[in-house]
Every structure is written in C-alpha cells, then in structure tokens.
Amino acid sequence: MLDKVPYRVLLPGWIREEARDKEEFKRLVLEYMKRYPDYRVKKVIGDFAICERK
C-alpha cells in the first residue's frame, strides 16, 4: 500500500523555459526524471511531477 503513495518532485525552472511545446516539455521532464530511477511520472501539476515508486 505504501508503494502507491504519490511523491512530488519539484521540477527545475529551466524545463518550462526551454520547452517550446507540450511534446518537448514532456521529453524534458522525462529526461530530468532519469535522475530518480525508482520513480514513475503519473502527471505534472504546476512545477511538480506527481510520481509513484516502482
């Protein structure tokens, strides 16, 4: 049950600044999240990636 608790990862501001469209934003978020190998992104709300642990 604890593995289903959502985790929030603060995304750096450069991701939003560099992204020209939604597809590039998604790519940059997924690239950044490689730094957190045990987390899987469910959605992005504001400046946070909402994740669950693998």
N, C-alpha and C. Protein backbone atom coordinates (compact mmCIF):
# COMPACT_ATOMS: atom_id res chain seq x y z
N MET A 1 0.81 -1.19 0.00
CA MET A 1 0.00 0.00 0.00
C MET A 1 0.86 1.26 0.00
N LEU A 2 1.98 1.23 0.71
CA LEU A 2 2.83 2.41 0.75
C LEU A 2 3.46 2.72 -0.60
N ASP A 3 3.56 1.72 -1.48
CA ASP A 3 4.14 1.97 -2.79
C ASP A 3 3.21 2.76 -3.70
N LYS A 4 1.97 2.96 -3.30
CA LYS A 4 1.00 3.73 -4.10
C LYS A 4 0.86 5.17 -3.63
N VAL A 5 1.65 5.56 -2.63
CA VAL A 5 1.61 6.93 -2.13
C VAL A 5 2.26 7.83 -3.18
N PRO A 6 1.58 8.90 -3.60
CA PRO A 6 2.19 9.79 -4.60
C PRO A 6 3.33 10.61 -4.00
N TYR A 7 4.38 10.74 -4.77
CA TYR A 7 5.53 11.56 -4.40
C TYR A 7 5.57 12.77 -5.31
N ARG A 8 5.97 13.91 -4.77
CA ARG A 8 6.08 15.13 -5.56
C ARG A 8 7.55 15.46 -5.74
N VAL A 9 7.94 15.65 -6.98
CA VAL A 9 9.32 16.03 -7.30
C VAL A 9 9.26 17.42 -7.93
N LEU A 10 9.95 18.37 -7.30
CA LEU A 10 9.99 19.73 -7.83
C LEU A 10 10.81 19.76 -9.10
N LEU A 11 10.21 20.27 -10.17
CA LEU A 11 10.91 20.36 -11.45
C LEU A 11 11.64 21.70 -11.53
N PRO A 12 12.84 21.71 -12.08
CA PRO A 12 13.59 22.97 -12.20
C PRO A 12 12.93 23.90 -13.23
N GLY A 13 13.11 25.19 -13.01
CA GLY A 13 12.50 26.19 -13.87
C GLY A 13 12.98 26.15 -15.32
N TRP A 14 14.19 25.67 -15.56
CA TRP A 14 14.72 25.67 -16.93
C TRP A 14 13.91 24.75 -17.84
N ILE A 15 13.23 23.77 -17.28
CA ILE A 15 12.43 22.88 -18.13
C ILE A 15 11.31 23.66 -18.79
N ARG A 16 10.59 24.47 -18.01
CA ARG A 16 9.49 25.27 -18.58
C ARG A 16 10.02 26.35 -19.52
N GLU A 17 11.17 26.91 -19.21
CA GLU A 17 11.75 27.96 -20.04
C GLU A 17 12.23 27.43 -21.38
N GLU A 18 12.81 26.23 -21.40
CA GLU A 18 13.36 25.68 -22.64
C GLU A 18 12.32 25.04 -23.55
N ALA A 19 11.24 24.54 -22.97
CA ALA A 19 10.24 23.82 -23.76
C ALA A 19 9.49 24.77 -24.69
N ARG A 20 9.46 24.40 -25.96
CA ARG A 20 8.75 25.21 -26.95
C ARG A 20 7.31 24.74 -27.14
N ASP A 21 7.03 23.50 -26.78
CA ASP A 21 5.67 22.97 -26.90
C ASP A 21 5.48 21.84 -25.89
N LYS A 22 4.28 21.26 -25.88
CA LYS A 22 3.97 20.21 -24.90
C LYS A 22 4.84 18.98 -25.06
N GLU A 23 5.10 18.61 -26.30
CA GLU A 23 5.90 17.41 -26.55
C GLU A 23 7.32 17.58 -26.03
N GLU A 24 7.91 18.75 -26.26
CA GLU A 24 9.26 18.99 -25.77
C GLU A 24 9.27 19.08 -24.24
N PHE A 25 8.23 19.67 -23.66
CA PHE A 25 8.11 19.74 -22.21
C PHE A 25 8.09 18.33 -21.63
N LYS A 26 7.29 17.47 -22.21
CA LYS A 26 7.20 16.08 -21.75
C LYS A 26 8.55 15.38 -21.86
N ARG A 27 9.24 15.59 -22.97
CA ARG A 27 10.55 14.97 -23.17
C ARG A 27 11.56 15.45 -22.13
N LEU A 28 11.56 16.76 -21.86
CA LEU A 28 12.49 17.32 -20.87
C LEU A 28 12.19 16.81 -19.46
N VAL A 29 10.91 16.69 -19.13
CA VAL A 29 10.54 16.17 -17.81
C VAL A 29 11.01 14.73 -17.67
N LEU A 30 10.75 13.90 -18.68
CA LEU A 30 11.17 12.51 -18.61
C LEU A 30 12.69 12.37 -18.57
N GLU A 31 13.38 13.24 -19.28
CA GLU A 31 14.85 13.22 -19.25
C GLU A 31 15.34 13.59 -17.85
N TYR A 32 14.76 14.62 -17.25
CA TYR A 32 15.15 15.04 -15.90
C TYR A 32 14.85 13.94 -14.88
N MET A 33 13.73 13.26 -15.04
CA MET A 33 13.31 12.25 -14.07
C MET A 33 14.18 11.00 -14.13
N LYS A 34 15.07 10.89 -15.10
CA LYS A 34 16.01 9.77 -15.12
C LYS A 34 16.93 9.83 -13.90
N ARG A 35 17.02 10.99 -13.27
CA ARG A 35 17.81 11.15 -12.06
C ARG A 35 17.15 10.46 -10.86
N TYR A 36 15.89 10.11 -11.03
CA TYR A 36 15.11 9.43 -10.00
C TYR A 36 14.64 8.09 -10.57
N PRO A 37 15.53 7.11 -10.63
CA PRO A 37 15.20 5.87 -11.35
C PRO A 37 14.07 5.05 -10.73
N ASP A 38 13.77 5.24 -9.47
CA ASP A 38 12.71 4.46 -8.83
C ASP A 38 11.35 5.14 -8.89
N TYR A 39 11.26 6.25 -9.59
CA TYR A 39 10.01 7.00 -9.66
C TYR A 39 9.44 6.94 -11.08
N ARG A 40 8.12 6.83 -11.16
CA ARG A 40 7.44 6.85 -12.45
C ARG A 40 6.47 8.04 -12.44
N VAL A 41 6.58 8.89 -13.44
CA VAL A 41 5.76 10.10 -13.52
C VAL A 41 4.33 9.72 -13.91
N LYS A 42 3.37 10.18 -13.10
CA LYS A 42 1.96 9.96 -13.40
C LYS A 42 1.38 11.19 -14.10
N LYS A 43 1.74 12.38 -13.60
CA LYS A 43 1.27 13.63 -14.20
C LYS A 43 2.11 14.78 -13.67
N VAL A 44 1.95 15.93 -14.29
CA VAL A 44 2.64 17.14 -13.85
C VAL A 44 1.58 18.16 -13.46
N ILE A 45 1.73 18.69 -12.25
CA ILE A 45 0.83 19.74 -11.76
C ILE A 45 1.70 20.91 -11.34
N GLY A 46 1.55 22.02 -12.06
CA GLY A 46 2.37 23.19 -11.76
C GLY A 46 3.83 22.88 -12.00
N ASP A 47 4.63 23.08 -10.98
CA ASP A 47 6.07 22.82 -11.07
C ASP A 47 6.46 21.49 -10.45
N PHE A 48 5.49 20.62 -10.21
CA PHE A 48 5.76 19.34 -9.57
C PHE A 48 5.39 18.17 -10.48
N ALA A 49 6.25 17.17 -10.49
CA ALA A 49 5.93 15.90 -11.14
C ALA A 49 5.35 15.00 -10.05
N ILE A 50 4.14 14.54 -10.27
CA ILE A 50 3.49 13.64 -9.33
C ILE A 50 3.88 12.22 -9.76
N CYS A 51 4.53 11.49 -8.84
CA CYS A 51 5.11 10.20 -9.19
C CYS A 51 4.67 9.13 -8.22
N GLU A 52 4.90 7.89 -8.63
CA GLU A 52 4.78 6.78 -7.71
C GLU A 52 6.05 5.95 -7.82
N ARG A 53 6.38 5.28 -6.74
CA ARG A 53 7.59 4.48 -6.72
C ARG A 53 7.37 3.18 -7.48
N LYS A 54 8.40 2.74 -8.19
CA LYS A 54 8.31 1.50 -8.93
C LYS A 54 8.43 0.32 -7.99
